[in-house]
Amino acid sequence: MKKQILALSVCALLALPLSAQADWMTAPENRFYTEGGTIAARISLTSEQSLRLSVAPEEGTASFYFLYGDQADEDAFALQLPCRIQNGGTAPSALVSVIPVIDTGNGSRFYLIDTGAPAGCLIVSYKDGGYKTAFDAASVEGDWTEASIEVQKKDLVLHLKDAAGTMQSYLLKYDKKSGTFSTEDAVSGSTVIIER
């Protein structure tokens, strides 16, 4: 009887959702800036992963091709995203960044893409040779014109800005079952709860 009660207690504990903060570790940020022309680059993310990208400010786009091993470009996980364009110089310019982020608790690997535009602010996850979009800032309701994700030691915070200059920050919550992030209620602090 005691064994049955103990087994039921353990099952009940396992059925409850667990909340924990992640310990995020970032690799060096890859930044790409161009003024007046298209740039293209290929970077190594790990010994088996690479990323090919091109940024075209005249078209307001950035293309990303996440590759695994010797995978051909046409088989890559491909994204065509809008860029936030600056028109202050002699020609349109754009700044794009990719930050590799690892959850040191379980080794999960993510890539934060930032083109400045909400539809170009994504989290791409990687697992077992495959990539998928784990978060898209354009999914947050509002008339946002700029977006970025801040990585802190234990926190991921989404920052959004509208045309009037009003900023709003959101906590990102990780759903282990779906492998995606979603926004928590708007916050002024910097606490992120990652559910596992």
Protein backbone atom coordinates (compact mmCIF):
# COMPACT_ATOMS: atom_id res chain seq x y z
CA MET A 1 0.00 0.00 0.00
CA LYS A 2 2.81 2.42 0.88
CA LYS A 3 4.49 1.66 -2.45
CA GLN A 4 1.25 2.50 -4.32
CA ILE A 5 0.86 5.81 -2.47
CA LEU A 6 4.50 6.68 -3.13
CA ALA A 7 4.14 5.79 -6.83
CA LEU A 8 0.97 7.91 -7.12
CA SER A 9 2.72 10.84 -5.40
CA VAL A 10 5.66 10.65 -7.80
CA CYS A 11 3.29 10.49 -10.81
CA ALA A 12 1.35 13.51 -9.51
CA LEU A 13 4.57 15.50 -9.12
CA LEU A 14 5.68 14.61 -12.64
CA ALA A 15 2.32 15.71 -14.05
CA LEU A 16 2.65 19.22 -12.60
CA PRO A 17 4.18 21.87 -14.87
CA LEU A 18 7.70 22.78 -13.80
CA SER A 19 9.00 26.32 -13.91
CA ALA A 20 12.68 27.15 -13.89
CA GLN A 21 14.97 29.84 -15.15
CA ALA A 22 17.51 28.94 -17.79
CA ASP A 23 21.18 29.76 -17.69
CA TRP A 24 21.75 31.34 -21.10
CA MET A 25 25.20 31.40 -22.63
CA THR A 26 25.80 33.36 -25.82
CA ALA A 27 28.47 32.93 -28.44
CA PRO A 28 29.87 36.06 -30.10
CA GLU A 29 27.29 38.08 -32.01
CA ASN A 30 27.57 38.06 -35.80
CA ARG A 31 26.75 41.58 -37.11
CA PHE A 32 26.40 42.54 -40.75
CA TYR A 33 26.08 46.14 -41.92
CA THR A 34 25.71 47.39 -45.46
CA GLU A 35 25.17 50.82 -46.94
CA GLY A 36 24.09 51.10 -50.54
CA GLY A 37 24.73 47.54 -51.67
CA THR A 38 23.93 43.90 -51.09
CA ILE A 39 26.27 41.90 -48.88
CA ALA A 40 26.56 38.13 -48.64
CA ALA A 41 28.38 36.03 -46.05
CA ARG A 42 28.72 32.48 -44.86
CA ILE A 43 29.55 31.81 -41.22
CA SER A 44 30.28 28.66 -39.29
CA LEU A 45 27.94 28.21 -36.31
CA THR A 46 29.43 24.90 -35.08
CA SER A 47 31.60 22.22 -36.64
CA GLU A 48 28.51 20.90 -38.48
CA GLN A 49 26.23 23.95 -38.72
CA SER A 50 26.62 26.98 -40.92
CA LEU A 51 24.59 29.99 -42.01
CA ARG A 52 24.57 31.71 -45.38
CA LEU A 53 22.95 35.13 -45.49
CA SER A 54 22.51 38.12 -47.73
CA VAL A 55 21.27 41.61 -46.88
CA ALA A 56 19.82 43.93 -49.55
CA PRO A 57 18.83 47.33 -48.10
CA GLU A 58 17.52 48.59 -51.47
CA GLU A 59 14.95 45.78 -51.33
CA GLY A 60 14.51 45.95 -47.55
CA THR A 61 15.19 42.23 -47.13
CA ALA A 62 17.60 39.79 -45.54
CA SER A 63 17.80 36.11 -46.52
CA PHE A 64 19.02 33.39 -44.14
CA TYR A 65 19.92 29.80 -45.05
CA PHE A 66 20.62 27.57 -42.03
CA LEU A 67 22.61 24.52 -43.14
CA TYR A 68 23.62 21.26 -41.48
CA GLY A 69 26.66 19.29 -42.60
CA ASP A 70 27.09 19.14 -46.38
CA GLN A 71 23.45 20.08 -47.00
CA ALA A 72 22.84 21.90 -50.29
CA ASP A 73 21.48 25.45 -50.13
CA GLU A 74 18.18 24.39 -51.70
CA ASP A 75 17.64 21.95 -48.77
CA ALA A 76 18.45 24.54 -46.11
CA PHE A 77 16.04 26.01 -43.57
CA ALA A 78 15.44 29.27 -45.44
CA LEU A 79 13.99 32.58 -44.24
CA GLN A 80 13.37 35.78 -46.21
CA LEU A 81 12.81 38.59 -43.69
CA PRO A 82 12.19 42.33 -43.86
CA CYS A 83 14.93 44.71 -42.61
CA ARG A 84 14.57 48.05 -40.91
CA ILE A 85 16.15 50.49 -43.34
CA GLN A 86 18.07 53.62 -42.31
CA ASN A 87 18.15 56.48 -44.82
CA GLY A 88 20.56 58.84 -43.04
CA GLY A 89 23.60 58.43 -45.31
CA THR A 90 24.15 58.62 -49.04
CA ALA A 91 22.36 55.31 -49.59
CA PRO A 92 19.94 53.07 -47.67
CA SER A 93 21.65 50.98 -44.99
CA ALA A 94 20.71 47.96 -42.88
CA LEU A 95 22.13 46.19 -39.84
CA VAL A 96 21.43 42.50 -39.23
CA SER A 97 22.66 40.33 -36.37
CA VAL A 98 22.62 36.65 -35.41
CA ILE A 99 23.41 35.57 -31.85
CA PRO A 100 23.89 31.88 -31.00
CA VAL A 101 22.36 31.14 -27.56
CA ILE A 102 22.64 27.92 -25.55
CA ASP A 103 20.63 26.83 -22.52
CA THR A 104 23.50 25.44 -20.42
CA GLY A 105 21.06 23.39 -18.35
CA ASN A 106 20.03 21.08 -21.19
CA GLY A 107 22.26 22.07 -24.13
CA SER A 108 19.38 23.37 -26.28
CA ARG A 109 20.68 25.64 -29.04
CA PHE A 110 18.89 28.70 -30.43
CA TYR A 111 19.74 31.52 -32.84
CA LEU A 112 18.39 35.03 -32.27
CA ILE A 113 17.90 36.86 -35.57
CA ASP A 114 17.51 40.63 -35.46
CA THR A 115 16.91 42.72 -38.58
CA GLY A 116 15.40 45.60 -36.57
CA ALA A 117 11.88 44.95 -37.92
CA PRO A 118 9.32 42.99 -35.84
CA ALA A 119 8.83 40.45 -38.66
CA GLY A 120 12.61 40.05 -38.74
CA CYS A 121 13.06 39.40 -35.01
CA LEU A 122 13.00 35.63 -34.60
CA ILE A 123 14.30 32.79 -32.49
CA VAL A 124 15.33 29.77 -34.56
CA SER A 125 15.81 26.52 -32.67
CA TYR A 126 18.13 23.68 -33.62
CA LYS A 127 17.78 20.03 -32.67
CA ASP A 128 19.11 16.82 -34.23
CA GLY A 129 20.07 18.31 -37.58
CA GLY A 130 16.84 20.29 -37.98
CA TYR A 131 15.85 23.94 -37.59
CA LYS A 132 12.49 25.57 -36.91
CA THR A 133 11.10 28.96 -35.94
CA ALA A 134 10.60 28.96 -32.18
CA PHE A 135 9.42 32.58 -31.85
CA ASP A 136 8.41 35.45 -34.15
CA ALA A 137 8.10 38.98 -32.69
CA ALA A 138 5.52 39.80 -35.38
CA SER A 139 3.12 37.49 -33.50
CA VAL A 140 2.80 40.07 -30.68
CA GLU A 141 -0.25 42.27 -31.22
CA GLY A 142 0.38 45.95 -31.77
CA ASP A 143 1.59 48.42 -34.36
CA TRP A 144 5.30 47.86 -33.69
CA THR A 145 8.02 49.32 -35.90
CA GLU A 146 11.14 47.98 -34.13
CA ALA A 147 11.93 44.81 -32.20
CA SER A 148 14.88 43.20 -30.42
CA ILE A 149 15.52 40.40 -27.94
CA GLU A 150 17.81 41.03 -25.00
CA VAL A 151 19.74 38.06 -23.60
CA GLN A 152 20.53 38.25 -19.93
CA LYS A 153 22.17 35.59 -17.77
CA LYS A 154 18.86 33.94 -16.90
CA ASP A 155 16.42 35.99 -18.95
CA LEU A 156 15.17 36.53 -22.49
CA VAL A 157 13.30 39.81 -22.84
CA LEU A 158 11.54 41.04 -26.00
CA HIS A 159 11.62 44.82 -26.54
CA LEU A 160 9.15 46.41 -28.98
CA LYS A 161 8.81 50.03 -30.10
CA ASP A 162 6.04 51.76 -32.05
CA ALA A 163 6.16 54.76 -34.42
CA ALA A 164 5.47 57.18 -31.53
CA GLY A 165 8.55 55.89 -29.68
CA THR A 166 6.61 54.02 -27.01
CA MET A 167 8.50 50.94 -25.83
CA GLN A 168 7.03 47.76 -24.38
CA SER A 169 8.93 44.77 -22.97
CA TYR A 170 7.69 41.20 -22.67
CA LEU A 171 9.00 38.11 -20.92
CA LEU A 172 9.59 35.09 -23.13
CA LYS A 173 8.34 31.76 -21.81
CA TYR A 174 9.61 28.47 -23.26
CA ASP A 175 7.21 25.57 -23.85
CA LYS A 176 9.30 22.40 -23.89
CA LYS A 177 6.51 20.31 -25.42
CA SER A 178 6.12 22.49 -28.53
CA GLY A 179 9.70 23.77 -28.53
CA THR A 180 8.49 27.36 -28.92
CA PHE A 181 8.57 30.62 -26.98
CA SER A 182 5.61 32.87 -26.22
CA THR A 183 5.24 36.25 -24.54
CA GLU A 184 4.23 36.66 -20.94
CA ASP A 185 2.39 39.74 -19.74
CA ALA A 186 4.12 43.06 -20.37
CA VAL A 187 6.77 43.77 -17.78
CA SER A 188 8.92 46.60 -16.62
CA GLY A 189 11.40 44.31 -14.88
CA SER A 190 13.69 41.66 -16.32
CA THR A 191 12.49 38.35 -14.90
CA VAL A 192 11.81 35.56 -17.37
CA ILE A 193 10.27 32.25 -16.37
CA ILE A 194 11.23 29.41 -18.68
CA GLU A 195 8.88 26.46 -18.31
CA ARG A 196 10.38 23.04 -18.94
